[in-house]
Protein backbone atom coordinates (compact mmCIF):
# COMPACT_ATOMS: atom_id res chain seq x y z
CA MET A 1 -22.24 25.15 61.16
CA LYS A 2 -25.27 26.04 59.68
CA GLU A 3 -26.98 23.43 57.69
CA ASN A 4 -27.66 24.45 54.33
CA ARG A 5 -30.54 24.10 53.84
CA PRO A 6 -31.95 23.95 50.23
CA LEU A 7 -29.38 21.49 49.64
CA MET A 8 -30.30 18.94 51.95
CA GLN A 9 -34.19 19.31 51.43
CA TYR A 10 -33.45 18.62 48.33
CA PHE A 11 -32.02 15.47 49.07
CA ARG A 12 -34.29 14.12 51.48
CA ALA A 13 -37.30 15.50 49.03
CA ASN A 14 -35.21 13.17 46.43
CA MET A 15 -33.79 10.07 48.74
CA LYS A 16 -36.56 8.03 47.51
CA ASN A 17 -35.30 8.87 44.09
CA SER A 18 -32.26 7.45 45.04
CA LYS A 19 -32.23 3.59 43.83
CA THR A 20 -33.28 5.16 39.94
CA ILE A 21 -30.64 7.59 40.01
CA ALA A 22 -28.08 4.84 40.84
CA ILE A 23 -29.47 2.57 38.12
CA CYS A 24 -29.06 5.18 35.72
CA LEU A 25 -25.94 6.10 37.15
CA ILE A 26 -24.41 2.82 36.55
CA THR A 27 -26.41 2.33 33.29
CA ALA A 28 -24.75 5.47 31.98
CA ILE A 29 -21.28 4.18 33.34
CA VAL A 30 -21.59 0.92 31.55
CA TYR A 31 -22.47 2.62 28.28
CA LEU A 32 -19.67 5.14 28.56
CA PHE A 33 -17.20 2.19 28.94
CA LEU A 34 -18.86 0.51 26.17
CA SER A 35 -18.36 3.07 23.75
CA ALA A 36 -14.99 3.81 24.91
CA CYS A 37 -14.15 -0.37 23.79
CA SER A 38 -16.12 0.45 20.51
CA ILE A 39 -13.08 3.45 19.51
CA ASN A 40 -10.36 1.57 21.45
CA ASP A 41 -11.31 -1.59 18.76
CA LEU A 42 -11.61 1.01 15.89
CA ALA A 43 -7.81 2.39 16.93
CA VAL A 44 -6.42 -1.03 17.35
CA LYS A 45 -8.18 -2.07 13.64
CA ASN A 46 -6.87 0.90 12.31
CA LYS A 47 -3.58 1.33 13.80
CA LYS A 48 0.04 1.46 12.67
CA LEU A 49 2.75 -2.19 13.36
CA ILE A 50 6.05 -2.08 13.26
CA ALA A 51 7.95 -4.81 11.66
CA GLU A 52 11.74 -4.90 11.60
CA SER A 53 13.33 -5.58 8.53
CA VAL A 54 16.88 -7.64 8.51
CA ASP A 55 18.87 -4.60 8.58
CA GLY A 56 17.07 -3.00 11.86
CA SER A 57 14.96 -0.57 9.19
CA ARG A 58 11.51 -0.28 11.34
CA ILE A 59 8.62 -1.21 8.67
CA ALA A 60 5.23 0.32 9.67
CA TYR A 61 2.43 -1.82 8.09
CA GLY A 62 -1.23 -2.69 8.98
CA VAL A 63 -3.52 -5.54 8.46
CA ASN A 64 -7.41 -5.04 7.90
CA GLY A 65 -10.50 -7.67 7.17
CA GLN A 66 -10.11 -11.17 7.45
CA GLY A 67 -9.98 -14.45 5.39
CA GLU A 68 -7.58 -17.16 3.87
CA THR A 69 -6.31 -15.71 1.29
CA THR A 70 -3.62 -12.63 2.00
CA LEU A 71 -3.55 -9.41 -0.63
CA ILE A 72 0.10 -8.03 0.39
CA PHE A 73 0.06 -4.54 -1.05
CA VAL A 74 3.64 -2.95 -1.93
CA HIS A 75 3.46 0.29 -3.26
CA GLY A 76 6.79 1.60 -5.81
CA TRP A 77 8.62 4.44 -6.33
CA LEU A 78 8.36 7.48 -3.80
CA CYS A 79 5.20 6.19 -2.78
CA ASP A 80 3.77 5.21 0.03
CA HIS A 81 0.58 2.82 1.35
CA LYS A 82 -1.48 5.68 0.60
CA ILE A 83 -1.80 4.85 -2.74
CA TRP A 84 -3.66 1.69 -2.42
CA GLN A 85 -6.75 3.23 0.42
CA PRO A 86 -8.95 2.24 -2.50
CA GLN A 87 -8.29 -1.55 -2.70
CA ILE A 88 -7.81 -1.83 1.49
CA ASP A 89 -11.35 -0.28 1.83
CA TYR A 90 -12.82 -2.39 -1.03
CA PHE A 91 -10.71 -6.20 -0.18
CA SER A 92 -10.48 -6.08 3.24
CA SER A 93 -14.44 -6.83 3.49
CA ASN A 94 -13.22 -10.39 1.97
CA TYR A 95 -9.28 -10.85 2.79
CA ASN A 96 -6.60 -10.21 4.67
CA VAL A 97 -6.00 -7.09 3.42
CA VAL A 98 -2.20 -6.03 4.41
CA TRP A 99 -0.14 -2.50 3.71
CA LEU A 100 3.34 -1.20 4.18
CA ASP A 101 5.99 1.58 3.45
CA LEU A 102 9.37 0.71 2.08
CA ALA A 103 11.98 1.13 4.22
CA GLY A 104 12.64 5.27 3.29
CA HIS A 105 9.28 5.58 2.46
CA GLY A 106 5.79 6.59 4.39
CA ASP A 107 6.01 5.99 8.31
CA SER A 108 9.12 3.62 7.98
CA VAL A 109 12.70 4.83 9.21
CA THR A 110 16.09 3.19 8.06
CA ASP A 111 19.54 3.83 7.56
CA ARG A 112 20.26 2.01 4.93
CA LYS A 113 22.16 3.57 2.06
CA LYS A 114 21.33 0.69 -0.39
CA PHE A 115 18.05 0.62 -1.59
CA THR A 116 18.40 -2.39 -3.78
CA MET A 117 15.09 -4.79 -4.63
CA SER A 118 16.20 -7.76 -2.63
CA ALA A 119 16.45 -5.20 0.58
CA PHE A 120 13.32 -3.86 -0.25
CA ALA A 121 11.79 -7.63 -0.37
CA LYS A 122 12.90 -8.34 2.74
CA ASP A 123 11.51 -5.45 4.22
CA VAL A 124 8.31 -7.22 2.88
CA LYS A 125 8.94 -10.53 4.19
CA SER A 126 9.36 -8.86 7.50
CA VAL A 127 6.01 -7.97 7.76
CA SER A 128 4.76 -11.23 6.44
CA ASP A 129 6.63 -13.20 8.95
CA GLU A 130 4.87 -11.30 11.84
CA VAL A 131 1.32 -11.15 9.81
CA GLY A 132 0.92 -15.12 8.76
CA GLY A 133 -0.79 -16.54 6.13
CA GLU A 134 -0.17 -19.66 3.68
CA LYS A 135 -2.16 -18.36 0.93
CA ILE A 136 -0.49 -15.31 0.00
CA ILE A 137 -1.19 -12.63 -3.18
CA LEU A 138 1.44 -10.17 -3.80
CA VAL A 139 0.45 -7.15 -5.96
CA GLY A 140 3.22 -4.28 -6.14
CA HIS A 141 2.78 -0.93 -8.29
CA SER A 142 5.75 0.20 -10.44
CA MET A 143 8.89 -0.81 -8.70
CA GLY A 144 7.05 -2.27 -6.25
CA GLY A 145 7.00 -5.38 -8.97
CA PRO A 146 10.57 -5.97 -8.94
CA ILE A 147 10.09 -6.16 -4.81
CA VAL A 148 7.12 -9.01 -5.11
CA ILE A 149 9.00 -11.03 -7.30
CA GLU A 150 12.15 -10.91 -4.85
CA THR A 151 9.53 -11.32 -2.07
CA ALA A 152 7.98 -14.50 -3.83
CA LYS A 153 11.78 -15.82 -3.60
CA LEU A 154 11.76 -15.46 -0.20
CA LEU A 155 8.58 -16.80 0.66
CA GLY A 156 8.17 -19.55 -1.54
CA ASP A 157 5.14 -21.87 -1.46
CA LYS A 158 3.13 -19.53 0.29
CA VAL A 159 2.97 -17.10 -2.54
CA VAL A 160 0.16 -18.69 -4.51
CA GLY A 161 -0.14 -15.62 -7.04
CA ILE A 162 1.86 -12.16 -8.33
CA VAL A 163 0.20 -9.04 -9.20
CA ALA A 164 2.16 -6.60 -11.05
CA VAL A 165 0.33 -2.94 -11.76
CA GLU A 166 2.39 -1.15 -14.21
CA ALA A 167 5.80 -2.71 -13.99
CA PHE A 168 6.31 -5.17 -16.90
CA TYR A 169 5.13 -5.25 -20.29
CA THR A 170 4.66 -1.69 -20.44
CA PRO A 171 6.29 0.98 -23.10
CA LEU A 172 8.78 1.94 -20.50
CA ALA A 173 10.02 -1.88 -20.54
CA SER A 174 10.77 -0.87 -24.53
CA VAL A 175 12.78 1.89 -23.31
CA PRO A 176 16.80 1.88 -23.71
CA GLU A 177 18.67 1.39 -20.28
CA GLU A 178 20.95 3.90 -21.56
CA ALA A 179 18.32 6.14 -21.88
CA LYS A 180 16.78 5.38 -18.20
CA MET A 181 20.52 5.95 -16.85
CA ALA A 182 20.52 8.96 -18.42
CA PHE A 183 17.73 10.20 -16.66
CA LEU A 184 18.77 9.07 -13.47
CA GLU A 185 22.03 11.99 -14.33
CA LYS A 186 19.19 14.57 -14.75
CA LEU A 187 17.66 13.04 -11.65
CA LYS A 188 21.27 13.81 -9.47
CA LYS A 189 21.26 17.35 -11.24
CA ASP A 190 17.95 18.94 -10.54
CA TYR A 191 15.79 16.40 -8.87
CA PRO A 192 12.98 18.25 -8.95
CA ALA A 193 12.86 19.08 -12.22
CA ALA A 194 13.99 15.71 -14.21
CA LEU A 195 10.81 14.60 -11.36
CA LYS A 196 7.97 17.00 -12.47
CA GLU A 197 8.99 16.09 -16.24
CA THR A 198 9.02 12.19 -14.99
CA VAL A 199 5.58 12.68 -13.15
CA GLY A 200 4.08 14.72 -15.79
CA SER A 201 4.08 12.16 -18.04
CA MET A 202 2.71 9.31 -15.66
CA PHE A 203 -1.00 10.57 -16.33
CA ALA A 204 -3.22 10.39 -18.73
CA GLN A 205 -3.71 13.86 -20.80
CA SER A 206 -7.10 13.78 -19.51
CA ALA A 207 -6.13 13.85 -15.93
CA ASN A 208 -6.82 16.41 -13.05
CA PRO A 209 -3.93 18.72 -13.34
CA ASP A 210 -4.64 19.69 -9.84
CA LEU A 211 -4.09 15.45 -8.78
CA VAL A 212 -0.53 15.57 -11.17
CA ASN A 213 0.28 18.30 -9.02
CA SER A 214 -0.21 16.49 -6.26
CA THR A 215 1.29 13.94 -6.49
CA TYR A 216 4.49 15.25 -7.87
CA GLU A 217 4.65 17.42 -4.41
CA TYR A 218 4.28 14.24 -2.31
CA MET A 219 6.48 12.30 -4.34
CA LEU A 220 8.77 15.16 -3.79
CA ALA A 221 8.61 15.01 -0.13
CA GLY A 222 10.66 11.97 -0.51
CA ASP A 223 14.18 10.84 0.87
CA HIS A 224 16.06 12.27 -2.47
CA ASN A 225 19.05 9.83 -1.92
CA MET A 226 16.80 7.10 -1.16
CA GLY A 227 14.99 7.78 -4.81
CA THR A 228 18.30 7.80 -6.57
CA SER A 229 19.29 5.45 -4.96
CA SER A 230 16.70 3.00 -5.58
CA LEU A 231 16.31 4.25 -9.06
CA TYR A 232 19.15 3.31 -9.80
CA GLU A 233 19.05 -0.51 -8.38
CA CYS A 234 15.35 -0.38 -9.99
CA ILE A 235 16.80 -0.32 -13.46
CA LYS A 236 20.07 -2.12 -12.68
CA TRP A 237 17.25 -5.36 -11.48
CA ASN A 238 14.66 -4.26 -14.83
CA ALA A 239 18.32 -4.91 -17.17
CA ARG A 240 19.64 -8.15 -15.41
CA LYS A 241 16.92 -10.21 -14.02
CA GLU A 242 13.41 -8.88 -15.76
CA PRO A 243 13.54 -11.71 -18.65
CA LEU A 244 14.57 -14.93 -16.62
CA GLU A 245 12.23 -13.44 -13.81
CA LEU A 246 9.05 -13.41 -15.47
CA ARG A 247 9.66 -16.62 -17.52
CA LYS A 248 9.98 -17.95 -14.08
CA PHE A 249 7.22 -17.04 -12.35
CA SER A 250 4.81 -16.67 -15.66
CA GLY A 251 3.00 -19.17 -14.25
CA LYS A 252 1.50 -16.86 -11.25
CA LEU A 253 1.96 -13.68 -12.70
CA TYR A 254 -0.65 -11.42 -13.99
CA ASN A 255 -0.24 -8.28 -15.04
CA ILE A 256 -2.69 -5.02 -14.84
CA ASN A 257 -1.49 -2.00 -16.72
CA GLY A 258 -2.72 1.30 -17.61
CA ALA A 259 -4.02 2.52 -21.38
CA PRO A 260 -4.31 6.48 -21.57
CA LYS A 261 -6.10 6.46 -24.69
CA GLY A 262 -7.92 3.86 -24.54
CA THR A 263 -6.48 2.32 -28.13
CA GLU A 264 -3.11 0.35 -27.19
CA LYS A 265 -2.82 -3.23 -27.27
CA PRO A 266 -1.65 -5.87 -24.02
CA LEU A 267 1.60 -6.44 -25.11
CA HIS A 268 1.46 -9.91 -23.20
CA LYS A 269 -1.46 -12.27 -22.47
CA SER A 270 -0.93 -12.06 -18.55
CA VAL A 271 -1.84 -8.50 -19.46
CA VAL A 272 -5.18 -6.39 -18.06
CA LEU A 273 -5.41 -3.10 -19.71
CA ILE A 274 -7.50 -0.31 -17.95
CA SER A 275 -8.37 2.17 -20.20
CA GLY A 276 -8.00 6.31 -19.26
CA ALA A 277 -5.33 5.62 -16.89
CA GLY A 278 -1.98 5.95 -16.92
CA HIS A 279 1.14 4.82 -14.26
CA PHE A 280 -1.19 5.42 -11.26
CA VAL A 281 -4.08 3.10 -12.81
CA SER A 282 -5.46 2.41 -9.10
CA GLN A 283 -5.80 5.68 -7.94
CA VAL A 284 -7.48 6.86 -11.28
CA ARG A 285 -9.45 4.24 -11.97
CA PRO A 286 -10.54 2.20 -8.55
CA LYS A 287 -13.55 0.37 -10.13
CA GLU A 288 -12.12 -0.72 -12.94
CA PHE A 289 -9.07 -1.93 -11.14
CA ASN A 290 -10.83 -3.67 -8.12
CA ALA A 291 -12.49 -5.28 -11.14
CA ALA A 292 -9.79 -6.46 -12.55
CA LEU A 293 -7.61 -7.99 -9.85
CA GLU A 294 -10.78 -9.67 -8.29
CA MET A 295 -10.97 -11.32 -12.05
CA ILE A 296 -7.09 -12.31 -11.70
CA ILE A 297 -7.56 -13.22 -7.73
CA ALA A 298 -10.61 -15.65 -9.07
CA ASN A 299 -8.40 -17.15 -11.78
CA TYR A 300 -5.94 -18.40 -8.93
CA ASN A 301 -8.94 -21.16 -7.70
CA LEU A 302 -7.71 -20.98 -4.32
CA HIS A 303 -10.89 -22.54 -2.92
């Protein structure tokens, strides 16, 4: 076989630099390895984990940040953890922030037929049991309010605070149960139309129409059977349990509600109002909401 002269000449000419080449090659490999580790660490940090609820439902959850105090954010009806993204980003710098998708919502998987507030609370407890923590503040939006109350009963003294967002002491609380059940019947007959009507009422008149429409589409995409079942169970909970439970947890419970017109007055001493926001106050006014939640956390005097 003839010698490949150009190639051999190249290697002979550069043999004296082989040590330098080897060092550079090793350095490059080490750099790539460390970069890969960094990417993998980020992937692990943002990875969706799974907790198994008592009925076998697979509950998607995640953990961001660190700290002695754990904040567990619970979304509301037909939503998922993404409504809390501004809070996850903000509070994970100082707290152990936990988010989850309730059974039938988001990335969670379930065969559940009856979506009660106590069943949802067991979803939250399954995540809390996986994460641990002895100082827990539960934050629940809308239907998440009754759910975090039920969760507090399961977790006992581990819960140092409860923050309900647009759940209690709102104008909706004064609406008779009969009217709520009438809406439920409308939902059963024409789910898209009834949902569109109620989503529109959840925003201030000044809200961006694109945001209102995208929220409607996002909620409409949820499982309709779960939507009607969970709404019925939430209405029942509000009618039968709300007054008693609010008294029972009055020492731990604070509320953050929206004030769409900006002229509303708090309906209870535990309520902080955010002007210019409707039902989705944590999304529409994230800076003001985060400041209000920080103030409430400070009131718990955890140190």
